[in-house]
């Protein structure tokens, strides 16, 4: 199902149960983590990027918010039930999907680790 969002709209709300996984088709979005008094931007997403995969894998609540960062953002939503039904009908699809998610999550972990190392380096230089 295709959804349209405007700048500032929440595609996924942190702490809520998303209905499935989402694919950004047009526009940009940010992945943000809400702390008690502020928000931290964890990632920027664009066309072809997927979000909601952690909640799908864990069958749990969203660990971060995904927010439209442009005036017009188009997103395809694939419902969890529909996705799992497709996996039952086409087992080969499931293995390819989970492999793709593993590669995606590995890439994101590498990027996050690189950014964290950079931040630690900056912090260490300031302390000297």
N, C-alpha and C. Protein backbone atom coordinates (compact mmCIF):
# COMPACT_ATOMS: atom_id res chain seq x y z
N UNK A 1 0.85 -1.17 0.00
CA UNK A 1 0.00 0.00 0.00
C UNK A 1 0.90 1.24 0.00
N UNK A 2 0.60 2.20 -0.83
CA UNK A 2 1.39 3.43 -0.95
C UNK A 2 0.80 4.50 -0.03
N UNK A 3 1.70 5.20 0.68
CA UNK A 3 1.31 6.29 1.57
C UNK A 3 2.10 7.54 1.20
N UNK A 4 1.49 8.70 1.40
CA UNK A 4 2.15 9.97 1.18
C UNK A 4 2.31 10.69 2.52
N UNK A 5 3.47 11.29 2.71
CA UNK A 5 3.76 12.03 3.94
C UNK A 5 4.31 13.39 3.57
N UNK A 6 4.09 14.34 4.45
CA UNK A 6 4.62 15.70 4.29
C UNK A 6 5.74 15.92 5.31
N UNK A 7 6.50 16.96 5.10
CA UNK A 7 7.61 17.31 5.97
C UNK A 7 7.18 17.28 7.44
N UNK A 8 7.90 16.51 8.24
CA UNK A 8 7.62 16.42 9.67
C UNK A 8 6.67 15.32 10.08
N UNK A 9 5.97 14.72 9.11
CA UNK A 9 5.06 13.61 9.45
C UNK A 9 5.86 12.40 9.90
N UNK A 10 5.30 11.67 10.86
CA UNK A 10 5.95 10.45 11.33
C UNK A 10 5.46 9.26 10.50
N UNK A 11 6.40 8.62 9.83
CA UNK A 11 6.10 7.42 9.07
C UNK A 11 5.98 6.25 10.04
N UNK A 12 6.91 6.20 10.98
CA UNK A 12 6.89 5.22 12.07
C UNK A 12 7.06 5.99 13.37
N UNK A 13 6.24 5.67 14.34
CA UNK A 13 6.33 6.32 15.66
C UNK A 13 7.11 5.44 16.62
N UNK A 14 8.10 6.03 17.27
CA UNK A 14 8.89 5.30 18.26
C UNK A 14 7.98 4.81 19.37
N UNK A 15 8.16 3.54 19.76
CA UNK A 15 7.38 2.96 20.85
C UNK A 15 6.04 2.38 20.44
N UNK A 16 5.67 2.54 19.17
CA UNK A 16 4.40 1.98 18.69
C UNK A 16 4.67 0.74 17.84
N UNK A 17 3.62 -0.01 17.58
CA UNK A 17 3.71 -1.24 16.78
C UNK A 17 3.49 -0.88 15.31
N UNK A 18 4.54 -0.92 14.48
CA UNK A 18 4.30 -0.69 13.05
C UNK A 18 3.55 -1.88 12.45
N UNK A 19 2.90 -1.64 11.34
CA UNK A 19 2.11 -2.71 10.70
C UNK A 19 2.93 -3.57 9.75
N UNK A 20 4.17 -3.22 9.52
CA UNK A 20 4.98 -3.97 8.58
C UNK A 20 6.29 -3.28 8.32
N UNK A 21 6.83 -3.51 7.12
CA UNK A 21 8.05 -2.84 6.70
C UNK A 21 7.69 -1.78 5.67
N UNK A 22 8.54 -0.79 5.55
CA UNK A 22 8.27 0.35 4.69
C UNK A 22 9.45 0.56 3.75
N UNK A 23 9.15 0.89 2.51
CA UNK A 23 10.17 1.17 1.51
C UNK A 23 9.97 2.60 1.04
N UNK A 24 11.01 3.43 1.17
CA UNK A 24 10.95 4.81 0.71
C UNK A 24 10.99 4.77 -0.82
N UNK A 25 10.00 5.32 -1.46
CA UNK A 25 9.95 5.35 -2.92
C UNK A 25 10.36 6.70 -3.47
N UNK A 26 10.01 7.76 -2.75
CA UNK A 26 10.32 9.11 -3.23
C UNK A 26 10.52 9.99 -2.01
N UNK A 27 11.54 10.84 -2.07
CA UNK A 27 11.80 11.76 -0.98
C UNK A 27 12.80 11.21 0.02
N UNK A 28 12.92 11.93 1.13
CA UNK A 28 13.90 11.60 2.16
C UNK A 28 13.20 11.52 3.52
N UNK A 29 13.78 10.72 4.40
CA UNK A 29 13.27 10.61 5.78
C UNK A 29 14.47 10.45 6.71
N UNK A 30 14.27 10.76 7.98
CA UNK A 30 15.31 10.56 8.97
C UNK A 30 14.84 9.55 10.00
N UNK A 31 15.79 8.78 10.52
CA UNK A 31 15.54 7.86 11.62
C UNK A 31 16.00 8.59 12.86
N UNK A 32 15.10 8.79 13.82
CA UNK A 32 15.40 9.59 15.00
C UNK A 32 15.06 8.84 16.27
N UNK A 33 15.92 9.02 17.25
CA UNK A 33 15.73 8.41 18.56
C UNK A 33 15.40 9.51 19.55
N UNK A 34 14.25 9.41 20.19
CA UNK A 34 13.83 10.43 21.16
C UNK A 34 14.41 10.10 22.52
N UNK A 35 15.10 11.06 23.07
CA UNK A 35 15.57 10.96 24.46
C UNK A 35 14.61 11.80 25.29
N UNK A 36 14.87 11.93 26.57
CA UNK A 36 13.94 12.64 27.44
C UNK A 36 13.70 14.08 26.99
N UNK A 37 14.74 14.78 26.53
CA UNK A 37 14.55 16.18 26.18
C UNK A 37 15.01 16.52 24.76
N UNK A 38 15.49 15.54 24.00
CA UNK A 38 15.98 15.85 22.66
C UNK A 38 15.81 14.65 21.74
N UNK A 39 16.14 14.88 20.47
CA UNK A 39 16.10 13.83 19.46
C UNK A 39 17.48 13.72 18.83
N UNK A 40 17.90 12.50 18.57
CA UNK A 40 19.16 12.26 17.87
C UNK A 40 18.85 11.63 16.53
N UNK A 41 19.43 12.18 15.47
CA UNK A 41 19.25 11.61 14.14
C UNK A 41 20.25 10.46 13.97
N UNK A 42 19.73 9.27 13.72
CA UNK A 42 20.56 8.08 13.58
C UNK A 42 20.93 7.78 12.14
N UNK A 43 20.03 8.11 11.21
CA UNK A 43 20.27 7.80 9.80
C UNK A 43 19.38 8.66 8.92
N UNK A 44 19.79 8.76 7.67
CA UNK A 44 19.00 9.43 6.65
C UNK A 44 18.65 8.38 5.60
N UNK A 45 17.38 8.37 5.21
CA UNK A 45 16.89 7.37 4.26
C UNK A 45 16.41 8.06 2.99
N UNK A 46 16.58 7.37 1.87
CA UNK A 46 16.11 7.90 0.59
C UNK A 46 15.47 6.79 -0.22
N UNK A 47 15.18 7.08 -1.48
CA UNK A 47 14.51 6.10 -2.34
C UNK A 47 15.22 4.74 -2.35
N UNK A 48 14.42 3.69 -2.14
CA UNK A 48 14.93 2.33 -2.11
C UNK A 48 15.29 1.83 -0.72
N UNK A 49 15.40 2.74 0.25
CA UNK A 49 15.74 2.32 1.61
C UNK A 49 14.53 1.73 2.31
N UNK A 50 14.80 0.79 3.20
CA UNK A 50 13.76 0.11 3.96
C UNK A 50 13.83 0.56 5.42
N UNK A 51 12.69 0.60 6.07
CA UNK A 51 12.65 0.91 7.50
C UNK A 51 11.53 0.09 8.13
N UNK A 52 11.61 -0.06 9.44
CA UNK A 52 10.64 -0.89 10.15
C UNK A 52 11.07 -2.33 10.24
N UNK A 53 12.27 -2.63 9.72
CA UNK A 53 12.73 -4.02 9.68
C UNK A 53 13.06 -4.57 11.05
N UNK A 54 13.54 -3.74 11.97
CA UNK A 54 13.87 -4.23 13.31
C UNK A 54 12.58 -4.68 14.02
N UNK A 55 11.56 -3.87 13.95
CA UNK A 55 10.27 -4.23 14.57
C UNK A 55 9.71 -5.49 13.94
N UNK A 56 9.86 -5.60 12.61
CA UNK A 56 9.38 -6.79 11.92
C UNK A 56 10.12 -8.03 12.41
N UNK A 57 11.45 -7.94 12.47
CA UNK A 57 12.26 -9.08 12.90
C UNK A 57 11.97 -9.47 14.34
N UNK A 58 11.88 -8.47 15.21
CA UNK A 58 11.67 -8.74 16.64
C UNK A 58 10.20 -8.93 17.00
N UNK A 59 9.32 -8.61 16.05
CA UNK A 59 7.87 -8.61 16.30
C UNK A 59 7.58 -7.77 17.53
N UNK A 60 8.16 -6.57 17.53
CA UNK A 60 8.01 -5.68 18.68
C UNK A 60 7.75 -4.25 18.26
N UNK A 61 7.81 -3.38 19.23
CA UNK A 61 7.56 -1.96 19.01
C UNK A 61 8.75 -1.30 18.32
N UNK A 62 8.48 -0.18 17.67
CA UNK A 62 9.53 0.56 16.98
C UNK A 62 10.52 1.14 17.98
N UNK A 63 11.80 0.94 17.71
CA UNK A 63 12.85 1.43 18.60
C UNK A 63 13.26 2.86 18.28
N UNK A 64 12.80 3.38 17.14
CA UNK A 64 13.09 4.75 16.73
C UNK A 64 11.93 5.25 15.87
N UNK A 65 11.90 6.56 15.66
CA UNK A 65 10.90 7.16 14.78
C UNK A 65 11.50 7.35 13.40
N UNK A 66 10.67 7.28 12.38
CA UNK A 66 11.08 7.62 11.02
C UNK A 66 10.20 8.79 10.61
N UNK A 67 10.85 9.90 10.25
CA UNK A 67 10.15 11.16 10.02
C UNK A 67 10.45 11.68 8.62
N UNK A 68 9.41 12.08 7.90
CA UNK A 68 9.58 12.66 6.57
C UNK A 68 10.40 13.94 6.69
N UNK A 69 11.45 14.05 5.87
CA UNK A 69 12.31 15.24 5.94
C UNK A 69 12.25 16.08 4.67
N UNK A 70 11.26 15.80 3.82
CA UNK A 70 11.01 16.61 2.64
C UNK A 70 9.52 16.88 2.54
N UNK A 71 9.17 17.84 1.68
CA UNK A 71 7.76 18.23 1.53
C UNK A 71 6.88 17.08 1.06
N UNK A 72 7.42 16.19 0.25
CA UNK A 72 6.64 15.07 -0.28
C UNK A 72 7.47 13.79 -0.17
N UNK A 73 6.97 12.83 0.59
CA UNK A 73 7.64 11.55 0.75
C UNK A 73 6.62 10.45 0.45
N UNK A 74 6.98 9.58 -0.49
CA UNK A 74 6.11 8.46 -0.87
C UNK A 74 6.72 7.18 -0.32
N UNK A 75 5.89 6.38 0.35
CA UNK A 75 6.36 5.17 1.02
C UNK A 75 5.41 4.02 0.70
N UNK A 76 6.00 2.86 0.36
CA UNK A 76 5.22 1.64 0.21
C UNK A 76 5.28 0.88 1.52
N UNK A 77 4.14 0.42 1.99
CA UNK A 77 4.06 -0.39 3.20
C UNK A 77 3.68 -1.81 2.82
N UNK A 78 4.46 -2.76 3.33
CA UNK A 78 4.12 -4.17 3.16
C UNK A 78 3.77 -4.70 4.54
N UNK A 79 2.52 -5.05 4.73
CA UNK A 79 2.04 -5.51 6.03
C UNK A 79 2.74 -6.78 6.49
N UNK A 80 2.95 -6.89 7.78
CA UNK A 80 3.63 -8.06 8.35
C UNK A 80 2.91 -9.36 8.00
N UNK A 81 1.60 -9.37 8.10
CA UNK A 81 0.84 -10.58 7.79
C UNK A 81 1.00 -10.98 6.33
N UNK A 82 0.90 -9.99 5.44
CA UNK A 82 1.04 -10.26 4.02
C UNK A 82 2.45 -10.77 3.70
N UNK A 83 3.45 -10.16 4.32
CA UNK A 83 4.83 -10.57 4.08
C UNK A 83 5.07 -12.00 4.56
N UNK A 84 4.59 -12.32 5.75
CA UNK A 84 4.76 -13.68 6.25
C UNK A 84 3.98 -14.70 5.41
N UNK A 85 2.82 -14.31 4.90
CA UNK A 85 2.05 -15.20 4.02
C UNK A 85 2.81 -15.46 2.72
N UNK A 86 3.46 -14.42 2.18
CA UNK A 86 4.27 -14.61 0.97
C UNK A 86 5.44 -15.55 1.26
N UNK A 87 6.03 -15.45 2.45
CA UNK A 87 7.15 -16.33 2.80
C UNK A 87 6.70 -17.79 2.88
N UNK A 88 5.49 -18.01 3.40
CA UNK A 88 4.97 -19.38 3.48
C UNK A 88 4.71 -19.93 2.08
N UNK A 89 4.17 -19.07 1.21
CA UNK A 89 3.86 -19.50 -0.15
C UNK A 89 5.11 -19.68 -1.00
N UNK A 90 6.12 -18.86 -0.75
CA UNK A 90 7.36 -18.88 -1.54
C UNK A 90 8.57 -18.91 -0.60
N UNK A 91 8.93 -20.08 -0.09
CA UNK A 91 10.03 -20.18 0.89
C UNK A 91 11.35 -19.58 0.40
N UNK A 92 11.63 -19.66 -0.88
CA UNK A 92 12.86 -19.06 -1.41
C UNK A 92 12.88 -17.55 -1.24
N UNK A 93 11.71 -16.94 -1.30
CA UNK A 93 11.60 -15.49 -1.09
C UNK A 93 12.02 -15.13 0.33
N UNK A 94 11.62 -15.93 1.29
CA UNK A 94 11.96 -15.66 2.68
C UNK A 94 13.47 -15.65 2.88
N UNK A 95 14.16 -16.65 2.35
CA UNK A 95 15.62 -16.70 2.54
C UNK A 95 16.30 -15.52 1.88
N UNK A 96 15.85 -15.11 0.70
CA UNK A 96 16.44 -13.94 0.03
C UNK A 96 16.14 -12.66 0.80
N UNK A 97 14.92 -12.55 1.33
CA UNK A 97 14.54 -11.36 2.09
C UNK A 97 15.40 -11.24 3.36
N UNK A 98 15.52 -12.33 4.11
CA UNK A 98 16.30 -12.28 5.35
C UNK A 98 17.79 -12.07 5.07
N UNK A 99 18.30 -12.60 3.98
CA UNK A 99 19.69 -12.35 3.61
C UNK A 99 19.88 -10.87 3.28
N UNK A 100 18.94 -10.29 2.55
CA UNK A 100 19.01 -8.86 2.24
C UNK A 100 18.98 -8.01 3.50
N UNK A 101 18.13 -8.40 4.45
CA UNK A 101 18.09 -7.66 5.72
C UNK A 101 19.40 -7.80 6.47
N UNK A 102 20.00 -8.97 6.46
CA UNK A 102 21.28 -9.18 7.15
C UNK A 102 22.36 -8.28 6.55
N UNK A 103 22.41 -8.20 5.22
CA UNK A 103 23.38 -7.34 4.55
C UNK A 103 23.12 -5.88 4.89
N UNK A 104 21.86 -5.47 4.83
CA UNK A 104 21.49 -4.09 5.15
C UNK A 104 21.89 -3.74 6.58
N UNK A 105 21.56 -4.61 7.52
CA UNK A 105 21.87 -4.32 8.93
C UNK A 105 23.38 -4.32 9.17
N UNK A 106 24.12 -5.16 8.47
CA UNK A 106 25.58 -5.16 8.58
C UNK A 106 26.15 -3.83 8.07
N UNK A 107 25.63 -3.35 6.95
CA UNK A 107 26.08 -2.06 6.41
C UNK A 107 25.78 -0.93 7.38
N UNK A 108 24.59 -0.94 7.95
CA UNK A 108 24.22 0.11 8.90
C UNK A 108 25.10 0.05 10.15
N UNK A 109 25.41 -1.16 10.62
CA UNK A 109 26.28 -1.30 11.78
C UNK A 109 27.67 -0.77 11.48
N UNK A 110 28.19 -1.04 10.29
CA UNK A 110 29.50 -0.51 9.90
C UNK A 110 29.49 1.01 9.90
N UNK A 111 28.46 1.60 9.30
CA UNK A 111 28.36 3.07 9.25
C UNK A 111 28.27 3.65 10.66
N UNK A 112 27.45 3.04 11.50
CA UNK A 112 27.30 3.52 12.87
C UNK A 112 28.61 3.40 13.64
N UNK A 113 29.30 2.28 13.48
CA UNK A 113 30.59 2.09 14.15
C UNK A 113 31.60 3.13 13.70
N UNK A 114 31.61 3.42 12.41
CA UNK A 114 32.53 4.43 11.87
C UNK A 114 32.22 5.81 12.46
N UNK A 115 30.93 6.16 12.51
CA UNK A 115 30.53 7.45 13.08
C UNK A 115 30.87 7.52 14.56
N UNK A 116 30.65 6.44 15.29
CA UNK A 116 30.97 6.40 16.71
C UNK A 116 32.47 6.56 16.94
N UNK A 117 33.28 5.88 16.14
CA UNK A 117 34.73 6.00 16.26
C UNK A 117 35.16 7.44 15.99
N UNK A 118 34.55 8.08 15.01
CA UNK A 118 34.85 9.49 14.70
C UNK A 118 34.49 10.39 15.89
N UNK A 119 33.30 10.18 16.46
CA UNK A 119 32.87 10.98 17.61
C UNK A 119 33.80 10.78 18.81
N UNK A 120 34.22 9.55 19.05
CA UNK A 120 35.13 9.27 20.16
C UNK A 120 36.46 9.98 19.92
N UNK A 121 36.93 9.94 18.68
CA UNK A 121 38.19 10.61 18.33
C UNK A 121 38.08 12.12 18.58
N UNK A 122 36.98 12.72 18.16
CA UNK A 122 36.77 14.15 18.40
C UNK A 122 36.72 14.46 19.89
N UNK A 123 36.04 13.63 20.63
CA UNK A 123 35.92 13.81 22.07
C UNK A 123 37.29 13.72 22.74
N UNK A 124 38.09 12.74 22.32
CA UNK A 124 39.44 12.56 22.89
C UNK A 124 40.31 13.77 22.60
N UNK A 125 40.20 14.34 21.38
CA UNK A 125 41.00 15.51 21.03
C UNK A 125 40.61 16.73 21.87
N UNK A 126 39.32 16.85 22.16
CA UNK A 126 38.85 17.99 22.97
C UNK A 126 39.32 17.87 24.41
N UNK A 127 39.44 16.65 24.89
CA UNK A 127 39.86 16.43 26.28
C UNK A 127 41.34 16.68 26.49
N UNK A 128 42.12 16.71 25.42
CA UNK A 128 43.58 16.88 25.57
C UNK A 128 43.97 18.32 25.73
